[in-house]
Structure formats: structure tokens, C-alpha cells
Amino acid sequence: MLEENGIPTVVVSTARDISAQVKAPRTVFVNHPMGNTFGRAFDHERQRTILADALRALETVREGGALIDLPYEWEREFGIFQG
């Protein structure tokens, strides 16, 4: 509904397989554990970078259902948060 009314949307996802099936208008995928989409707590630089990438997708992606893999990796094994 938002897109139909001229308001672009973007999803920031940590579930690539689900995102590929849903086909939101624009999705950026981050290979982080669920619940940590924008990175670790207090990692403001990484958080701003991912947000900027998502906003850039609003400006540049014209193909519906686009799924963009962002280059950021979680530094440790996924699992229980260790601070």
C-alpha cells in the first residue's frame, strides 16, 4: 500500500531465505544473527553504515523484489550474545 502511494520502502533482513520468498519491494540482507540486524549494541559506526546502505537502496533500486546482500559479517560465531 505504501509503495502504491509513492512512499518507497526497504526491509533490512537477517533471514535471506525468507526475504527471497517474500519479495518485498527492496530488501537489504545483513549476515547477522536475528535480533542484531544493525550490528552489536553500541557499534554506532556499523549501525550508521547499514542504515545508510538501506536508505541508498531506496534511491537506487527500481526493480521490485530486489534482494541486495550487504558485505558485513558477524565477527564471531552466531549464538548467545557475549557482549
N, C-alpha and C. Protein backbone atom coordinates (compact mmCIF):
# COMPACT_ATOMS: atom_id res chain seq x y z
N MET A 1 0.81 -1.19 0.00
CA MET A 1 0.00 0.00 0.00
C MET A 1 0.87 1.27 0.00
N LEU A 2 1.92 1.28 0.80
CA LEU A 2 2.79 2.45 0.83
C LEU A 2 3.42 2.70 -0.54
N GLU A 3 3.98 1.66 -1.13
CA GLU A 3 4.61 1.80 -2.43
C GLU A 3 3.62 2.30 -3.48
N GLU A 4 2.41 1.78 -3.42
CA GLU A 4 1.37 2.19 -4.38
C GLU A 4 1.05 3.68 -4.25
N ASN A 5 1.26 4.23 -3.07
CA ASN A 5 1.00 5.65 -2.82
C ASN A 5 2.26 6.50 -2.95
N GLY A 6 3.31 5.93 -3.54
CA GLY A 6 4.53 6.70 -3.81
C GLY A 6 5.50 6.81 -2.66
N ILE A 7 5.33 5.99 -1.63
CA ILE A 7 6.25 6.01 -0.50
C ILE A 7 7.13 4.76 -0.59
N PRO A 8 8.40 4.92 -0.94
CA PRO A 8 9.27 3.75 -1.09
C PRO A 8 9.57 3.10 0.25
N THR A 9 9.77 1.79 0.23
CA THR A 9 10.08 1.03 1.44
C THR A 9 11.30 0.16 1.22
N VAL A 10 11.96 -0.17 2.32
CA VAL A 10 13.09 -1.09 2.28
C VAL A 10 13.06 -1.92 3.56
N VAL A 11 13.34 -3.21 3.42
CA VAL A 11 13.42 -4.12 4.55
C VAL A 11 14.90 -4.41 4.81
N VAL A 12 15.31 -4.34 6.07
CA VAL A 12 16.66 -4.76 6.45
C VAL A 12 16.47 -6.11 7.12
N SER A 13 17.04 -7.16 6.53
CA SER A 13 16.74 -8.53 6.93
C SER A 13 17.97 -9.31 7.35
N THR A 14 17.74 -10.23 8.28
CA THR A 14 18.78 -11.21 8.64
C THR A 14 18.34 -12.62 8.26
N ALA A 15 17.24 -12.72 7.54
CA ALA A 15 16.71 -14.02 7.11
C ALA A 15 16.61 -14.03 5.59
N ARG A 16 17.73 -14.34 4.94
CA ARG A 16 17.79 -14.24 3.49
C ARG A 16 16.79 -15.15 2.81
N ASP A 17 16.67 -16.39 3.27
CA ASP A 17 15.76 -17.34 2.62
C ASP A 17 14.31 -16.87 2.68
N ILE A 18 13.90 -16.34 3.81
CA ILE A 18 12.54 -15.83 3.94
C ILE A 18 12.36 -14.59 3.06
N SER A 19 13.34 -13.71 3.07
CA SER A 19 13.27 -12.50 2.26
C SER A 19 13.16 -12.82 0.78
N ALA A 20 13.87 -13.85 0.33
CA ALA A 20 13.82 -14.24 -1.08
C ALA A 20 12.42 -14.73 -1.45
N GLN A 21 11.73 -15.35 -0.53
CA GLN A 21 10.38 -15.84 -0.80
C GLN A 21 9.35 -14.72 -0.73
N VAL A 22 9.50 -13.79 0.20
CA VAL A 22 8.53 -12.72 0.40
C VAL A 22 8.57 -11.71 -0.74
N LYS A 23 9.75 -11.39 -1.22
CA LYS A 23 9.95 -10.44 -2.31
C LYS A 23 9.35 -9.07 -2.00
N ALA A 24 9.78 -8.48 -0.91
CA ALA A 24 9.41 -7.09 -0.61
C ALA A 24 9.96 -6.21 -1.73
N PRO A 25 9.44 -5.00 -1.88
CA PRO A 25 9.92 -4.14 -2.97
C PRO A 25 11.44 -3.98 -2.99
N ARG A 26 12.05 -3.81 -1.83
CA ARG A 26 13.51 -3.70 -1.70
C ARG A 26 13.89 -4.35 -0.39
N THR A 27 14.90 -5.20 -0.43
CA THR A 27 15.42 -5.81 0.79
C THR A 27 16.93 -5.76 0.75
N VAL A 28 17.52 -5.36 1.87
CA VAL A 28 18.97 -5.50 2.03
C VAL A 28 19.18 -6.57 3.10
N PHE A 29 20.03 -7.52 2.80
CA PHE A 29 20.31 -8.63 3.70
C PHE A 29 21.63 -8.39 4.41
N VAL A 30 21.62 -8.60 5.73
CA VAL A 30 22.82 -8.48 6.55
C VAL A 30 23.03 -9.83 7.22
N ASN A 31 24.21 -10.40 7.08
CA ASN A 31 24.51 -11.72 7.64
C ASN A 31 24.88 -11.58 9.12
N HIS A 32 23.87 -11.20 9.90
CA HIS A 32 24.00 -11.07 11.35
C HIS A 32 22.96 -11.98 12.00
N PRO A 33 23.16 -12.32 13.27
CA PRO A 33 22.15 -13.11 13.98
C PRO A 33 20.84 -12.33 14.09
N MET A 34 19.73 -13.05 14.07
CA MET A 34 18.44 -12.38 14.23
C MET A 34 18.43 -11.58 15.52
N GLY A 35 17.81 -10.43 15.46
CA GLY A 35 17.76 -9.54 16.60
C GLY A 35 18.93 -8.58 16.65
N ASN A 36 19.88 -8.74 15.75
CA ASN A 36 21.07 -7.88 15.69
C ASN A 36 21.25 -7.33 14.29
N THR A 37 20.15 -6.97 13.66
CA THR A 37 20.14 -6.58 12.26
C THR A 37 21.16 -5.49 11.95
N PHE A 38 21.26 -4.50 12.81
CA PHE A 38 22.15 -3.38 12.54
C PHE A 38 23.52 -3.54 13.21
N GLY A 39 23.77 -4.66 13.84
CA GLY A 39 25.08 -4.91 14.45
C GLY A 39 25.00 -4.99 15.95
N ARG A 40 26.16 -5.01 16.55
CA ARG A 40 26.26 -5.13 18.00
C ARG A 40 25.80 -3.85 18.69
N ALA A 41 25.35 -4.01 19.91
CA ALA A 41 24.98 -2.85 20.73
C ALA A 41 26.17 -1.90 20.82
N PHE A 42 25.90 -0.63 20.68
CA PHE A 42 26.87 0.45 20.79
C PHE A 42 27.88 0.52 19.65
N ASP A 43 27.74 -0.31 18.62
CA ASP A 43 28.61 -0.20 17.44
C ASP A 43 27.98 0.79 16.48
N HIS A 44 28.05 2.05 16.86
CA HIS A 44 27.35 3.11 16.14
C HIS A 44 27.83 3.26 14.70
N GLU A 45 29.10 3.06 14.47
CA GLU A 45 29.63 3.18 13.11
C GLU A 45 28.99 2.14 12.19
N ARG A 46 28.96 0.88 12.61
CA ARG A 46 28.36 -0.18 11.81
C ARG A 46 26.86 0.08 11.63
N GLN A 47 26.20 0.50 12.68
CA GLN A 47 24.76 0.76 12.61
C GLN A 47 24.46 1.86 11.60
N ARG A 48 25.23 2.94 11.64
CA ARG A 48 25.02 4.03 10.68
C ARG A 48 25.30 3.58 9.26
N THR A 49 26.31 2.76 9.09
CA THR A 49 26.68 2.29 7.76
C THR A 49 25.57 1.43 7.15
N ILE A 50 25.02 0.52 7.94
CA ILE A 50 23.94 -0.33 7.44
C ILE A 50 22.70 0.51 7.14
N LEU A 51 22.39 1.46 8.01
CA LEU A 51 21.26 2.34 7.75
C LEU A 51 21.46 3.14 6.47
N ALA A 52 22.67 3.66 6.26
CA ALA A 52 22.96 4.41 5.04
C ALA A 52 22.81 3.52 3.80
N ASP A 53 23.26 2.28 3.89
CA ASP A 53 23.10 1.36 2.76
C ASP A 53 21.62 1.09 2.46
N ALA A 54 20.82 0.93 3.52
CA ALA A 54 19.39 0.69 3.33
C ALA A 54 18.72 1.91 2.69
N LEU A 55 19.07 3.10 3.16
CA LEU A 55 18.49 4.31 2.58
C LEU A 55 18.94 4.51 1.14
N ARG A 56 20.17 4.14 0.83
CA ARG A 56 20.66 4.23 -0.54
C ARG A 56 19.85 3.32 -1.46
N ALA A 57 19.45 2.17 -0.94
CA ALA A 57 18.63 1.25 -1.74
C ALA A 57 17.30 1.90 -2.11
N LEU A 58 16.78 2.74 -1.23
CA LEU A 58 15.54 3.47 -1.54
C LEU A 58 15.71 4.34 -2.78
N GLU A 59 16.90 4.90 -2.93
CA GLU A 59 17.16 5.81 -4.05
C GLU A 59 17.54 5.08 -5.33
N THR A 60 18.17 3.93 -5.21
CA THR A 60 18.77 3.31 -6.39
C THR A 60 18.05 2.09 -6.94
N VAL A 61 17.34 1.35 -6.11
CA VAL A 61 16.72 0.10 -6.55
C VAL A 61 15.37 0.41 -7.19
N ARG A 62 15.23 0.01 -8.43
CA ARG A 62 13.99 0.25 -9.17
C ARG A 62 13.23 -1.04 -9.47
N GLU A 63 13.89 -2.17 -9.33
CA GLU A 63 13.31 -3.47 -9.65
C GLU A 63 12.59 -4.04 -8.42
N GLY A 64 11.30 -4.32 -8.55
CA GLY A 64 10.54 -4.89 -7.45
C GLY A 64 11.07 -6.25 -7.04
N GLY A 65 11.09 -6.52 -5.76
CA GLY A 65 11.57 -7.80 -5.26
C GLY A 65 13.08 -7.91 -5.16
N ALA A 66 13.78 -6.78 -5.33
CA ALA A 66 15.25 -6.80 -5.29
C ALA A 66 15.75 -7.21 -3.91
N LEU A 67 16.77 -8.05 -3.89
CA LEU A 67 17.40 -8.51 -2.65
C LEU A 67 18.90 -8.26 -2.79
N ILE A 68 19.40 -7.36 -1.96
CA ILE A 68 20.80 -6.95 -2.03
C ILE A 68 21.53 -7.50 -0.82
N ASP A 69 22.62 -8.21 -1.05
CA ASP A 69 23.46 -8.73 0.04
C ASP A 69 24.47 -7.65 0.43
N LEU A 70 24.39 -7.20 1.67
CA LEU A 70 25.38 -6.25 2.16
C LEU A 70 26.62 -7.03 2.60
N PRO A 71 27.80 -6.40 2.54
CA PRO A 71 29.06 -7.13 2.74
C PRO A 71 29.46 -7.33 4.19
N TYR A 72 28.60 -7.07 5.15
CA TYR A 72 29.00 -7.12 6.55
C TYR A 72 28.80 -8.51 7.14
N GLU A 73 29.77 -8.94 7.90
CA GLU A 73 29.74 -10.26 8.54
C GLU A 73 29.81 -10.08 10.05
N TRP A 74 29.18 -10.98 10.75
CA TRP A 74 29.28 -11.01 12.21
C TRP A 74 30.68 -11.49 12.56
N GLU A 75 31.33 -10.86 13.51
CA GLU A 75 32.74 -11.14 13.80
C GLU A 75 32.98 -12.46 14.51
N ARG A 76 31.98 -12.98 15.22
CA ARG A 76 32.13 -14.23 15.96
C ARG A 76 31.06 -15.20 15.53
N GLU A 77 31.14 -16.42 16.06
CA GLU A 77 30.10 -17.40 15.77
C GLU A 77 28.77 -16.89 16.25
N PHE A 78 27.72 -17.21 15.51
CA PHE A 78 26.37 -16.88 15.97
C PHE A 78 26.11 -17.69 17.22
N GLY A 79 25.31 -17.20 18.08
CA GLY A 79 24.97 -17.91 19.31
C GLY A 79 24.60 -16.93 20.40
N ILE A 80 24.81 -17.30 21.59
CA ILE A 80 24.45 -16.46 22.72
C ILE A 80 25.31 -15.20 22.70
N PHE A 81 24.66 -14.07 22.85
CA PHE A 81 25.36 -12.79 22.86
C PHE A 81 26.36 -12.76 24.01
N GLN A 82 27.59 -12.35 23.68
CA GLN A 82 28.65 -12.34 24.68
C GLN A 82 29.16 -10.94 24.96
N GLY A 83 28.45 -9.91 24.50
CA GLY A 83 28.83 -8.53 24.78
C GLY A 83 29.90 -7.97 23.93
